[in-house]
N, C-alpha and C. Protein backbone atom coordinates (compact mmCIF):
# COMPACT_ATOMS: atom_id res chain seq x y z
N MET A 1 0.98 -1.33 0.38
CA MET A 1 0.22 0.10 0.10
C MET A 1 0.69 1.27 0.38
N ALA A 2 0.39 2.52 -0.74
CA ALA A 2 1.28 3.39 -0.49
C ALA A 2 0.10 4.73 -0.71
N PRO A 3 0.41 5.72 -0.01
CA PRO A 3 -0.79 6.81 -0.39
C PRO A 3 -1.26 7.22 -1.98
N GLY A 4 -2.72 7.48 -1.87
CA GLY A 4 -2.93 7.87 -3.07
C GLY A 4 -4.13 8.97 -2.89
N ALA A 5 -4.17 9.35 -2.09
CA ALA A 5 -5.44 10.50 -2.25
C ALA A 5 -5.02 11.52 -1.64
N GLU A 6 -5.51 12.88 -2.77
CA GLU A 6 -5.09 14.18 -2.46
C GLU A 6 -3.44 14.20 -2.65
N ILE A 7 -2.84 13.97 -3.63
CA ILE A 7 -1.73 13.72 -3.80
C ILE A 7 -1.26 15.02 -4.49
N LEU A 8 0.03 15.66 -4.20
CA LEU A 8 0.37 17.06 -4.57
C LEU A 8 1.01 16.63 -6.24
N ALA A 9 0.56 17.04 -7.19
CA ALA A 9 1.25 16.44 -8.52
C ALA A 9 1.49 17.44 -9.39
N ALA A 10 1.87 17.28 -10.61
CA ALA A 10 2.16 18.37 -11.68
C ALA A 10 1.17 18.29 -12.37
N ASP A 11 0.36 19.47 -12.93
CA ASP A 11 -0.45 19.54 -13.72
C ASP A 11 -0.48 20.65 -14.75
N PRO A 12 -0.12 20.41 -16.05
CA PRO A 12 -0.08 22.02 -16.79
C PRO A 12 -1.19 22.14 -17.04
N THR A 13 -2.43 21.93 -16.71
CA THR A 13 -3.81 22.56 -17.05
C THR A 13 -3.74 23.52 -15.73
N ARG A 14 -3.14 23.82 -14.70
CA ARG A 14 -3.31 24.76 -14.24
C ARG A 14 -2.71 25.88 -14.06
N SER A 15 -3.12 27.47 -13.39
CA SER A 15 -2.05 27.96 -13.53
C SER A 15 -0.93 28.01 -12.61
N GLN A 16 -0.69 27.10 -11.48
CA GLN A 16 0.48 27.07 -10.76
C GLN A 16 0.92 25.83 -11.16
N ARG A 17 0.44 25.08 -11.94
CA ARG A 17 1.08 23.91 -12.63
C ARG A 17 0.96 22.60 -11.58
N TYR A 18 0.38 22.85 -10.63
CA TYR A 18 0.16 22.00 -9.88
C TYR A 18 -1.43 21.64 -9.36
N SER A 19 -1.68 20.63 -9.02
CA SER A 19 -2.73 20.10 -8.34
C SER A 19 -2.91 19.12 -7.36
N LEU A 20 -3.73 18.66 -6.60
CA LEU A 20 -4.17 17.72 -5.74
C LEU A 20 -4.61 16.46 -6.71
N SER A 21 -4.31 15.31 -6.66
CA SER A 21 -4.25 14.19 -7.07
C SER A 21 -4.98 12.82 -6.74
N ASN A 22 -5.86 12.20 -7.11
CA ASN A 22 -5.91 10.74 -6.34
C ASN A 22 -6.03 10.02 -7.48
N GLY A 23 -5.41 8.49 -6.88
CA GLY A 23 -5.48 7.09 -7.64
C GLY A 23 -4.81 6.60 -7.46
N THR A 24 -4.68 5.26 -8.04
CA THR A 24 -3.32 4.07 -7.86
C THR A 24 -2.35 4.44 -8.43
N SER A 25 -2.16 5.64 -9.47
CA SER A 25 -0.83 5.87 -10.00
C SER A 25 -0.18 6.71 -9.26
N ASP A 26 -0.58 7.24 -8.04
CA ASP A 26 0.23 8.15 -7.29
C ASP A 26 0.73 7.13 -6.35
N ALA A 27 -0.22 6.13 -6.00
CA ALA A 27 0.34 5.21 -5.04
C ALA A 27 1.46 4.57 -5.38
N THR A 28 1.26 3.98 -6.98
CA THR A 28 2.40 3.25 -8.14
C THR A 28 3.93 3.96 -7.85
N ALA A 29 3.75 5.25 -8.06
CA ALA A 29 4.91 6.15 -7.85
C ALA A 29 5.75 5.92 -6.57
N TYR A 30 5.20 6.01 -5.38
CA TYR A 30 5.38 6.09 -4.26
C TYR A 30 6.09 4.26 -4.19
N VAL A 31 5.90 3.40 -4.49
CA VAL A 31 6.29 2.15 -4.38
C VAL A 31 7.39 1.98 -5.30
N SER A 32 7.22 2.82 -6.57
CA SER A 32 8.18 2.41 -7.40
C SER A 32 9.67 3.29 -6.90
N ALA A 33 9.62 4.80 -6.32
CA ALA A 33 10.42 5.41 -5.61
C ALA A 33 11.06 4.21 -4.49
N ALA A 34 10.43 3.86 -3.71
CA ALA A 34 10.93 3.03 -2.49
C ALA A 34 11.70 1.57 -3.06
N ALA A 35 11.11 1.27 -4.39
CA ALA A 35 12.02 0.43 -4.31
C ALA A 35 13.36 0.49 -5.83
N ALA A 36 13.36 1.76 -5.92
CA ALA A 36 14.93 2.50 -6.63
C ALA A 36 15.41 2.68 -5.37
N LEU A 37 15.12 3.17 -4.42
CA LEU A 37 16.37 4.03 -3.10
C LEU A 37 16.79 2.38 -2.61
N VAL A 38 15.89 1.21 -2.37
CA VAL A 38 16.54 0.20 -1.71
C VAL A 38 17.28 -0.38 -3.01
N ARG A 39 16.89 -0.31 -4.08
CA ARG A 39 17.92 -1.12 -5.30
C ARG A 39 19.58 -0.56 -5.34
N SER A 40 19.40 0.80 -5.08
CA SER A 40 20.59 1.83 -5.29
C SER A 40 21.28 1.63 -3.93
N LYS A 41 20.87 1.19 -2.47
CA LYS A 41 21.55 1.22 -1.49
C LYS A 41 22.34 -0.20 -1.19
N TYR A 42 21.35 -0.91 -1.84
CA TYR A 42 21.67 -2.37 -2.03
C TYR A 42 21.43 -3.31 -3.66
N PRO A 43 22.82 -2.34 -4.06
CA PRO A 43 22.76 -3.32 -5.60
C PRO A 43 23.36 -4.59 -5.92
N ASP A 44 23.18 -5.40 -4.48
CA ASP A 44 23.59 -6.76 -4.95
C ASP A 44 22.59 -7.41 -4.64
N LEU A 45 21.48 -6.94 -4.26
CA LEU A 45 20.24 -7.69 -3.94
C LEU A 45 19.44 -7.68 -5.38
N THR A 46 18.91 -9.09 -5.08
CA THR A 46 17.96 -9.69 -6.42
C THR A 46 16.49 -8.63 -6.49
N ALA A 47 15.93 -8.77 -7.56
CA ALA A 47 14.29 -8.21 -7.36
C ALA A 47 13.62 -8.75 -6.44
N GLY A 48 13.77 -10.34 -6.18
CA GLY A 48 13.05 -10.80 -5.18
C GLY A 48 13.54 -10.28 -4.21
N GLN A 49 14.65 -9.90 -3.52
CA GLN A 49 15.52 -9.35 -2.30
C GLN A 49 14.83 -8.26 -2.08
N VAL A 50 14.64 -7.89 -3.03
CA VAL A 50 14.18 -5.99 -2.90
C VAL A 50 12.56 -5.80 -2.23
N ILE A 51 11.84 -6.96 -3.07
CA ILE A 51 10.55 -6.83 -2.69
C ILE A 51 10.44 -7.59 -1.50
N ASN A 52 11.41 -8.13 -0.82
CA ASN A 52 11.37 -9.01 0.25
C ASN A 52 11.35 -7.91 1.72
N ARG A 53 12.33 -7.11 1.31
CA ARG A 53 12.91 -5.98 1.81
C ARG A 53 11.46 -4.95 2.46
N LEU A 54 11.29 -4.75 1.16
CA LEU A 54 10.06 -3.88 1.30
C LEU A 54 8.71 -3.84 1.73
N ILE A 55 8.33 -5.64 1.60
CA ILE A 55 7.55 -6.21 2.32
C ILE A 55 7.54 -6.73 3.92
N LYS A 56 8.77 -6.59 4.18
CA LYS A 56 9.15 -6.87 5.79
C LYS A 56 9.37 -5.56 6.45
N THR A 57 9.29 -4.77 6.07
CA THR A 57 9.52 -3.72 6.25
C THR A 57 8.14 -2.55 6.37
N ALA A 58 7.01 -2.96 5.70
CA ALA A 58 5.69 -2.32 5.78
C ALA A 58 5.52 -2.64 7.04
N THR A 59 4.06 -1.52 7.11
CA THR A 59 3.30 -1.74 8.37
C THR A 59 2.11 -1.78 7.97
N PHE A 60 1.08 -2.05 9.07
CA PHE A 60 -0.41 -1.76 8.95
C PHE A 60 -0.81 -0.55 9.86
N ALA A 61 0.01 0.23 10.29
CA ALA A 61 0.05 1.40 11.10
C ALA A 61 -0.78 1.37 12.14
N HIS A 62 -2.11 2.50 12.19
CA HIS A 62 -3.15 2.03 13.29
C HIS A 62 -4.16 0.86 12.97
N HIS A 63 -3.90 0.14 11.72
CA HIS A 63 -5.13 -1.09 11.53
C HIS A 63 -4.97 -2.32 12.25
N LYS A 64 -5.34 -2.46 13.80
CA LYS A 64 -4.94 -3.71 14.31
C LYS A 64 -5.42 -4.62 13.97
N GLY A 65 -5.07 -5.77 14.18
CA GLY A 65 -5.38 -7.30 14.14
C GLY A 65 -5.54 -7.50 12.86
N LEU A 66 -4.65 -7.08 11.71
CA LEU A 66 -4.82 -7.32 10.64
C LEU A 66 -3.79 -8.52 10.33
N LYS A 67 -3.80 -9.21 9.23
CA LYS A 67 -2.80 -10.42 8.77
C LYS A 67 -2.44 -10.52 7.54
N ALA A 68 -1.25 -10.54 7.23
CA ALA A 68 -0.44 -10.09 5.65
C ALA A 68 -0.68 -11.52 5.18
N PRO A 69 -0.79 -11.74 3.69
CA PRO A 69 -1.62 -10.65 3.28
C PRO A 69 -3.32 -10.41 3.72
N ASP A 70 -3.69 -8.90 3.65
CA ASP A 70 -4.85 -8.71 3.40
C ASP A 70 -5.05 -8.54 2.79
N GLU A 71 -6.79 -8.50 2.35
CA GLU A 71 -7.43 -8.44 0.88
C GLU A 71 -7.51 -7.11 0.36
N GLU A 72 -7.40 -5.99 1.55
CA GLU A 72 -7.43 -4.41 1.34
C GLU A 72 -6.14 -3.83 1.81
N TYR A 73 -5.51 -4.08 2.28
CA TYR A 73 -3.96 -3.56 2.78
C TYR A 73 -2.85 -4.33 2.53
N GLY A 74 -3.02 -5.68 1.65
CA GLY A 74 -2.25 -6.29 1.14
C GLY A 74 -1.21 -6.85 2.24
N TYR A 75 0.21 -6.46 2.15
CA TYR A 75 1.64 -6.54 3.06
C TYR A 75 1.58 -5.44 3.64
N GLY A 76 0.96 -4.23 3.87
CA GLY A 76 0.83 -3.25 4.54
C GLY A 76 1.13 -1.93 3.83
N ILE A 77 1.39 -0.98 4.41
CA ILE A 77 1.94 0.42 4.01
C ILE A 77 3.46 0.53 3.90
N VAL A 78 3.89 0.70 2.63
CA VAL A 78 5.17 0.78 2.40
C VAL A 78 6.28 1.95 3.35
N ARG A 79 7.12 1.87 3.83
CA ARG A 79 7.97 2.65 4.52
C ARG A 79 9.29 2.65 4.14
N PRO A 80 9.65 3.68 3.01
CA PRO A 80 10.87 3.75 2.26
C PRO A 80 11.86 3.67 3.41
N TYR A 81 12.09 4.42 4.56
CA TYR A 81 13.31 4.92 5.49
C TYR A 81 13.45 3.56 6.14
N SER A 82 12.56 2.83 6.40
CA SER A 82 12.66 1.31 6.95
C SER A 82 13.33 0.69 6.08
N ALA A 83 12.78 0.58 5.24
CA ALA A 83 13.37 -0.35 4.20
C ALA A 83 14.85 0.14 3.55
N LEU A 84 15.18 1.06 4.01
CA LEU A 84 16.88 1.29 3.69
C LEU A 84 17.81 1.13 5.07
N THR A 85 16.95 1.23 6.65
CA THR A 85 17.51 1.31 7.36
C THR A 85 17.61 0.22 8.27
N MET A 86 16.53 -0.89 8.21
CA MET A 86 16.26 -1.99 9.22
C MET A 86 17.40 -3.11 8.75
N ASP A 87 17.66 -3.81 9.91
CA ASP A 87 18.37 -5.07 9.74
C ASP A 87 18.05 -6.15 9.69
N ILE A 88 17.82 -6.54 8.30
CA ILE A 88 16.85 -7.88 8.29
C ILE A 88 17.47 -8.60 7.19
N PRO A 89 17.56 -10.08 7.08
CA PRO A 89 18.10 -11.12 6.29
C PRO A 89 17.58 -10.36 4.99
N ALA A 90 18.80 -10.69 4.20
CA ALA A 90 18.41 -10.68 2.53
C ALA A 90 16.63 -11.71 1.98
N GLY A 91 17.07 -12.48 2.72
CA GLY A 91 15.97 -13.59 2.16
C GLY A 91 16.56 -14.12 0.61
N PRO A 92 15.45 -15.24 0.24
CA PRO A 92 15.51 -15.82 -0.92
C PRO A 92 15.69 -14.78 -2.22
N LYS A 93 16.39 -15.30 -3.01
CA LYS A 93 16.79 -14.62 -4.62
C LYS A 93 15.30 -14.40 -5.34
N LYS A 94 14.23 -15.37 -5.10
CA LYS A 94 13.43 -15.75 -5.78
C LYS A 94 12.31 -14.87 -5.14
N ASN A 95 10.89 -14.41 -5.90
CA ASN A 95 9.94 -13.62 -5.42
C ASN A 95 9.56 -13.93 -4.22
N PRO A 96 9.31 -13.70 -2.97
CA PRO A 96 8.76 -14.07 -1.65
C PRO A 96 7.15 -13.85 -1.86
N LEU A 97 6.99 -13.52 -2.96
CA LEU A 97 5.20 -13.52 -2.98
C LEU A 97 4.43 -15.01 -3.52
N GLY A 98 5.49 -15.47 -4.10
CA GLY A 98 5.28 -16.68 -4.71
C GLY A 98 4.26 -17.00 -5.83
N GLN A 99 4.03 -17.89 -6.45
CA GLN A 99 3.15 -18.10 -7.42
C GLN A 99 1.81 -17.27 -7.59
N LEU A 100 1.38 -16.93 -8.70
CA LEU A 100 0.57 -16.13 -8.93
C LEU A 100 -1.26 -17.01 -8.81
N SER A 101 -2.08 -16.76 -8.66
CA SER A 101 -3.44 -16.94 -8.49
C SER A 101 -3.77 -18.22 -9.84
N SER A 102 -4.58 -18.97 -9.54
CA SER A 102 -4.82 -19.90 -11.14
C SER A 102 -5.43 -18.75 -11.83
N SER A 103 -6.59 -18.01 -11.45
CA SER A 103 -6.57 -17.39 -12.80
C SER A 103 -5.76 -16.22 -13.16
N SER A 104 -4.95 -15.91 -12.73
CA SER A 104 -3.67 -15.12 -13.16
C SER A 104 -2.91 -16.21 -14.20
N SER A 105 -2.73 -17.53 -13.67
CA SER A 105 -1.74 -18.48 -13.99
C SER A 105 -2.40 -18.66 -15.61
N THR A 106 -3.53 -18.88 -15.58
CA THR A 106 -4.69 -18.93 -16.70
C THR A 106 -4.40 -18.12 -17.73
N SER A 107 -4.58 -17.08 -17.39
CA SER A 107 -4.36 -15.52 -18.25
C SER A 107 -2.87 -15.72 -18.57
N SER A 108 -1.66 -15.84 -17.94
CA SER A 108 -0.53 -16.21 -18.21
C SER A 108 -0.24 -17.43 -19.31
N GLN A 109 -1.18 -18.62 -19.35
CA GLN A 109 -0.74 -19.34 -20.13
C GLN A 109 -1.26 -19.19 -21.23
N SER A 110 -2.82 -18.34 -21.35
CA SER A 110 -3.06 -18.16 -22.60
C SER A 110 -1.99 -16.97 -23.59
N SER A 111 -1.77 -16.10 -22.60
CA SER A 111 -0.61 -15.07 -22.80
C SER A 111 0.49 -15.73 -23.48
N GLU A 112 0.90 -16.57 -22.81
CA GLU A 112 1.84 -17.60 -23.50
C GLU A 112 1.55 -18.55 -24.65
N GLY A 113 0.39 -18.76 -24.61
CA GLY A 113 0.05 -19.53 -26.11
C GLY A 113 0.27 -18.02 -27.26
N THR A 114 -0.83 -17.33 -27.14
CA THR A 114 -0.41 -16.27 -27.85
C THR A 114 0.90 -16.34 -28.30
N ASP A 115 1.37 -15.63 -27.29
CA ASP A 115 3.08 -15.33 -27.73
C ASP A 115 3.78 -16.46 -28.69
N SER A 116 3.50 -17.54 -28.35
CA SER A 116 4.06 -18.84 -29.07
C SER A 116 3.35 -18.63 -30.69
N SER A 117 2.03 -18.68 -30.51
CA SER A 117 1.79 -18.56 -32.08
C SER A 117 2.16 -17.16 -32.74
N THR A 118 2.64 -16.09 -32.08
CA THR A 118 2.89 -14.81 -32.85
C THR A 118 4.40 -15.09 -32.95
N GLN A 119 4.71 -16.03 -31.90
CA GLN A 119 6.62 -16.34 -32.66
C GLN A 119 6.59 -17.51 -33.86
N ALA A 120 5.85 -18.03 -33.99
CA ALA A 120 5.38 -19.57 -34.90
C ALA A 120 5.21 -18.73 -36.10
N LYS A 121 4.22 -17.71 -36.38
CA LYS A 121 3.84 -16.47 -37.34
C LYS A 121 5.19 -15.99 -37.68
N LYS A 122 5.84 -15.49 -36.46
CA LYS A 122 7.35 -14.25 -36.66
C LYS A 122 8.21 -15.29 -37.67
N LYS A 123 8.38 -16.69 -37.34
CA LYS A 123 9.26 -17.43 -37.66
C LYS A 123 8.75 -17.94 -39.25
N LYS A 124 7.53 -18.01 -39.50
CA LYS A 124 7.26 -18.74 -40.75
C LYS A 124 7.01 -17.75 -41.79
N LYS A 125 7.05 -16.57 -41.18
CA LYS A 125 7.04 -14.92 -41.94
C LYS A 125 8.58 -14.78 -42.52
N SER A 126 9.48 -15.10 -41.29
CA SER A 126 11.27 -15.02 -41.56
C SER A 126 11.26 -15.92 -42.90
N SER A 127 10.83 -17.07 -42.45
CA SER A 127 11.42 -18.11 -43.33
C SER A 127 11.35 -17.87 -44.98
N SER A 128 9.75 -17.48 -44.72
CA SER A 128 9.39 -16.98 -46.48
C SER A 128 9.89 -16.06 -46.88
N SER A 129 10.62 -14.82 -46.27
CA SER A 129 11.62 -13.82 -46.39
C SER A 129 12.75 -14.28 -46.94
N ASN A 130 13.26 -15.33 -46.44
CA ASN A 130 14.56 -15.92 -47.02
C ASN A 130 14.64 -16.55 -47.99
N LEU A 131 13.43 -17.33 -48.27
CA LEU A 131 13.08 -18.10 -49.51
C LEU A 131 12.63 -16.98 -50.41
N ILE A 132 12.08 -15.95 -50.53
CA ILE A 132 12.38 -14.93 -51.53
C ILE A 132 13.39 -14.37 -51.75
N LEU A 133 14.20 -14.23 -50.75
CA LEU A 133 15.47 -13.44 -50.80
C LEU A 133 16.61 -14.47 -51.47
N ILE A 134 16.69 -15.64 -51.32
CA ILE A 134 17.30 -16.55 -52.15
C ILE A 134 16.76 -16.88 -53.34
N GLY A 135 15.55 -17.13 -53.87
CA GLY A 135 15.01 -17.10 -55.01
C GLY A 135 15.41 -16.12 -55.76
N GLY A 136 15.34 -14.55 -55.16
CA GLY A 136 15.74 -13.33 -55.97
C GLY A 136 17.46 -13.53 -56.40
N ILE A 137 18.43 -13.95 -55.74
CA ILE A 137 19.69 -13.92 -55.76
C ILE A 137 19.66 -14.91 -56.69
N THR A 138 19.20 -16.19 -56.53
CA THR A 138 19.40 -17.22 -57.72
C THR A 138 18.84 -16.48 -59.16
N ALA A 139 18.02 -15.97 -59.03
CA ALA A 139 17.17 -15.19 -60.66
C ALA A 139 18.28 -14.35 -61.23
N VAL A 140 19.03 -13.55 -60.18
CA VAL A 140 20.31 -12.42 -60.46
C VAL A 140 21.32 -13.01 -61.21
N VAL A 141 21.37 -14.28 -60.51
CA VAL A 141 22.43 -15.02 -61.10
C VAL A 141 22.65 -16.03 -62.38
N VAL A 142 21.62 -16.20 -62.54
CA VAL A 142 21.11 -16.86 -63.67
C VAL A 142 20.88 -16.04 -64.85
N ILE A 143 20.34 -15.09 -64.66
CA ILE A 143 20.21 -13.84 -65.42
C ILE A 143 21.85 -13.24 -66.16
N GLY A 144 22.65 -13.11 -64.76
CA GLY A 144 23.90 -12.68 -65.54
C GLY A 144 24.41 -13.75 -66.29
N ALA A 145 24.55 -15.07 -65.71
CA ALA A 145 25.18 -16.12 -66.51
C ALA A 145 24.73 -15.92 -67.99
N ILE A 146 23.70 -15.47 -68.28
CA ILE A 146 23.01 -15.91 -69.65
C ILE A 146 23.51 -14.74 -70.34
N ALA A 147 23.34 -13.54 -69.92
CA ALA A 147 24.41 -12.09 -70.30
C ALA A 147 25.44 -12.41 -70.88
N PHE A 148 25.94 -13.03 -69.83
CA PHE A 148 27.41 -13.29 -70.29
C PHE A 148 27.72 -13.95 -71.39
N VAL A 149 27.06 -15.38 -71.52
CA VAL A 149 27.30 -15.97 -72.65
C VAL A 149 26.66 -15.62 -73.74
N VAL A 150 25.39 -14.56 -74.15
CA VAL A 150 24.97 -13.81 -75.24
C VAL A 150 26.22 -12.98 -76.01
N LEU A 151 26.80 -11.97 -74.72
CA LEU A 151 27.93 -11.10 -75.19
C LEU A 151 29.50 -12.05 -75.57
N ARG A 152 29.54 -13.00 -75.08
CA ARG A 152 30.85 -13.84 -75.64
C ARG A 152 30.52 -14.10 -76.99
N SER A 153 29.29 -14.93 -76.86
CA SER A 153 29.26 -15.34 -78.51
C SER A 153 28.82 -14.43 -79.39
N ARG A 154 28.32 -13.06 -78.95
CA ARG A 154 28.29 -12.08 -80.00
C ARG A 154 29.76 -11.58 -80.62
N ARG A 155 30.57 -11.35 -79.30
CA ARG A 155 32.20 -11.22 -79.46
C ARG A 155 32.72 -11.88 -80.20
N ASN A 156 32.79 -12.98 -80.30
CA ASN A 156 33.39 -14.12 -80.90
C ASN A 156 33.23 -14.24 -82.20
N GLY A 157 31.69 -13.99 -82.66
CA GLY A 157 30.96 -13.77 -83.85
C GLY A 157 31.51 -12.99 -84.64
N GLY A 158 31.88 -11.85 -83.75
CA GLY A 158 32.33 -10.69 -85.13
C GLY A 158 33.81 -10.78 -85.06
N ASN A 159 34.76 -11.32 -84.28
CA ASN A 159 35.97 -11.60 -84.36
C ASN A 159 36.35 -12.80 -85.11
N GLY A 160 35.68 -13.60 -85.69
CA GLY A 160 36.17 -14.52 -86.84
C GLY A 160 35.94 -15.93 -85.95
N GLY A 161 34.93 -15.99 -84.81
CA GLY A 161 34.56 -17.27 -84.51
C GLY A 161 35.51 -17.37 -83.17
N PRO A 162 35.28 -18.54 -82.66
CA PRO A 162 35.97 -19.12 -81.42
C PRO A 162 37.51 -19.35 -81.87
N GLY A 163 38.59 -18.92 -80.91
CA GLY A 163 39.83 -18.92 -81.05
C GLY A 163 40.77 -17.76 -81.95
N ALA A 164 39.57 -16.96 -82.44
CA ALA A 164 40.40 -16.11 -82.93
C ALA A 164 40.82 -14.84 -82.24
N GLY A 165 41.91 -14.45 -82.86
CA GLY A 165 42.73 -13.44 -82.11
C GLY A 165 43.88 -13.54 -82.31
N ALA A 166 44.70 -12.86 -81.40
CA ALA A 166 46.57 -12.80 -81.53
C ALA A 166 46.91 -14.32 -80.82
N GLY A 167 45.97 -14.58 -80.13
CA GLY A 167 46.80 -15.72 -79.69
C GLY A 167 46.00 -17.51 -80.02
N GLY A 168 45.22 -17.28 -80.93
CA GLY A 168 44.09 -17.80 -81.57
C GLY A 168 44.22 -18.83 -82.48
N GLY A 169 43.81 -19.76 -83.04
CA GLY A 169 44.14 -20.81 -83.99
C GLY A 169 43.71 -19.94 -85.41
N GLY A 170 43.81 -20.73 -85.99
CA GLY A 170 43.45 -20.46 -87.84
C GLY A 170 42.29 -19.02 -88.03
N SER A 171 42.13 -18.26 -88.87
CA SER A 171 41.32 -17.54 -89.31
C SER A 171 40.50 -18.25 -90.29
N GLN A 172 39.29 -17.57 -90.69
CA GLN A 172 38.28 -18.02 -91.79
C GLN A 172 38.59 -17.31 -93.10
N TYR A 173 39.46 -16.83 -93.03
CA TYR A 173 39.81 -15.95 -94.50
C TYR A 173 41.09 -17.07 -94.76
N PRO A 174 41.17 -17.17 -95.68
CA PRO A 174 42.32 -17.66 -96.74
C PRO A 174 43.63 -16.78 -96.47
N ALA A 175 44.48 -17.52 -96.28
CA ALA A 175 46.06 -16.83 -96.14
C ALA A 175 46.38 -16.04 -97.65
N TYR A 176 46.84 -15.03 -97.76
CA TYR A 176 47.36 -14.93 -99.23
C TYR A 176 48.44 -15.63 -99.60
N PRO A 177 48.66 -16.05 -100.87
CA PRO A 177 49.87 -16.76 -101.26
C PRO A 177 51.21 -15.92 -101.27
N PRO A 178 52.17 -16.69 -100.93
CA PRO A 178 53.26 -16.25 -100.78
C PRO A 178 53.93 -15.47 -102.06
N ALA A 179 54.05 -14.37 -102.29
CA ALA A 179 54.95 -13.76 -103.33
C ALA A 179 55.79 -14.58 -103.94
N GLN A 180 55.57 -14.63 -105.51
CA GLN A 180 56.24 -15.54 -106.49
C GLN A 180 57.68 -15.36 -106.77
N GLN A 181 58.86 -16.01 -106.73
CA GLN A 181 60.01 -15.66 -106.79
C GLN A 181 60.27 -15.79 -108.62
N PRO A 182 61.14 -14.18 -108.37
CA PRO A 182 61.50 -14.51 -110.40
C PRO A 182 62.20 -16.18 -110.64
N TYR A 183 62.41 -16.29 -111.91
CA TYR A 183 63.07 -17.43 -112.31
C TYR A 183 64.21 -17.24 -112.42
N PRO A 184 65.33 -18.05 -111.96
CA PRO A 184 66.46 -17.78 -112.23
C PRO A 184 67.02 -17.32 -113.59
N ASN A 185 68.21 -16.41 -113.74
CA ASN A 185 68.61 -16.02 -114.45
C ASN A 185 67.91 -14.97 -115.51
N SER A 186 67.02 -14.73 -115.01
CA SER A 186 65.94 -13.50 -115.74
C SER A 186 65.98 -12.48 -115.10
N GLY A 187 66.27 -11.20 -115.95
CA GLY A 187 65.96 -10.21 -115.46
C GLY A 187 65.14 -9.62 -115.43
N PRO A 188 64.94 -8.33 -114.75
CA PRO A 188 64.03 -7.60 -114.24
C PRO A 188 62.99 -7.16 -115.22
N ASN A 189 61.27 -7.53 -114.73
CA ASN A 189 60.18 -7.33 -115.74
C ASN A 189 60.35 -8.47 -116.85
N GLN A 190 61.11 -9.53 -116.90
CA GLN A 190 61.20 -9.82 -118.16
C GLN A 190 59.65 -10.48 -118.48
N GLY A 191 59.65 -10.11 -120.00
CA GLY A 191 58.26 -10.64 -120.49
C GLY A 191 56.89 -10.07 -119.81
N TYR A 192 57.14 -8.93 -119.10
CA TYR A 192 55.91 -8.17 -118.38
C TYR A 192 56.08 -6.79 -118.45
N PRO A 193 54.84 -6.19 -118.90
CA PRO A 193 55.24 -4.73 -119.03
C PRO A 193 55.46 -4.21 -117.35
N THR A 194 56.36 -2.80 -117.78
CA THR A 194 56.57 -1.88 -116.53
C THR A 194 55.32 -1.69 -116.19
N PRO A 195 55.01 -1.07 -114.84
CA PRO A 195 53.69 -0.39 -114.53
C PRO A 195 53.97 0.90 -115.28
N GLY A 196 52.67 1.11 -115.47
CA GLY A 196 52.23 2.72 -115.82
C GLY A 196 53.08 2.92 -117.56
N GLN A 197 53.41 1.93 -118.04
CA GLN A 197 53.70 2.08 -119.62
C GLN A 197 53.11 0.87 -120.22
N ALA A 198 52.68 1.27 -121.45
CA ALA A 198 51.66 0.30 -122.36
C ALA A 198 52.37 -0.87 -122.80
N PRO A 199 52.01 -1.96 -122.83
CA PRO A 199 52.09 -3.25 -123.59
C PRO A 199 53.23 -2.96 -124.81
N GLN A 200 53.84 -3.67 -124.85
CA GLN A 200 54.80 -3.48 -126.18
C GLN A 200 54.86 -4.60 -126.75
N HIS A 201 53.77 -4.75 -127.66
CA HIS A 201 53.47 -6.28 -128.98
C HIS A 201 54.44 -6.49 -129.90
N PRO A 202 55.16 -7.09 -130.58
CA PRO A 202 56.29 -7.19 -131.44
C PRO A 202 55.37 -6.81 -132.63
N ASN A 203 56.04 -6.63 -133.86
CA ASN A 203 55.29 -6.36 -134.99
C ASN A 203 55.41 -7.51 -135.79
N PRO A 204 54.25 -8.17 -136.19
CA PRO A 204 54.59 -9.72 -136.74
C PRO A 204 54.74 -9.34 -138.34
N TYR A 205 55.06 -7.91 -139.19
CA TYR A 205 55.70 -7.58 -140.17
C TYR A 205 56.74 -7.37 -140.27
N SER A 206 57.56 -7.07 -139.19
CA SER A 206 59.09 -6.82 -139.16
C SER A 206 59.81 -8.33 -139.09
N GLN A 207 59.16 -9.59 -138.96
CA GLN A 207 59.80 -10.48 -139.06
C GLN A 207 59.78 -11.09 -140.18
N GLN A 208 61.43 -11.75 -140.58
CA GLN A 208 61.56 -12.48 -141.70
C GLN A 208 60.68 -13.82 -142.11
N PRO A 209 60.54 -14.20 -143.31
CA PRO A 209 59.35 -15.56 -143.45
C PRO A 209 60.67 -16.30 -143.44
N PRO A 210 60.27 -17.68 -143.01
CA PRO A 210 61.04 -18.84 -143.13
C PRO A 210 61.86 -19.00 -144.30
N HIS A 211 63.12 -19.58 -144.54
CA HIS A 211 63.52 -19.82 -145.79
C HIS A 211 63.09 -21.41 -145.98
N GLN A 212 62.24 -21.07 -147.38
CA GLN A 212 61.72 -22.27 -147.93
C GLN A 212 63.00 -23.41 -148.19
N GLY A 213 62.44 -24.52 -148.05
CA GLY A 213 63.67 -26.04 -148.48
C GLY A 213 64.87 -25.96 -147.53
N GLN A 214 65.02 -25.36 -146.91
CA GLN A 214 66.38 -25.31 -145.80
C GLN A 214 65.97 -25.81 -144.47
């Protein structure tokens, strides 16, 4: 328990920026502050041991004859100063309040079932996303391989087919025949006209007729 009636709190709607507030939200702030103080002074305590110190130092004040846990007052009214200064055993590391009630445990189990289904959906969605990613990468690799083969075949077709080039095999064009060598003991341009000059044919009328009977 903690004070929750007529608590001075910040209020931006008022001209003084403060007003009196009521409710469990104000009481929660007191308990949270007390837990933070205990945690600060005893940093080695577990969460369960901090709860134990808050419970063991709480009081029912002027409400006599109550036993903890009471239906209305619980384990008592929180006392921050006593929680910091009283000499009490640290207690077990687990939560001293024990397990939750059956209704709370049922809701917890249903919550766990919902969480399990949510995690299963997330895993299924993650696996499908991975499959889509792998499929996309495979498609890119296949398209890249096809483009490479097409470009290479086009390049080879324009350079005389496979093996053409400086280090390749034979070319598709026939080699030029080697230059003809002149016959031995023949002068230059013998029997052939000089380039740029008209060919000179022998005059048939200037030849002597063969002698008959010789």
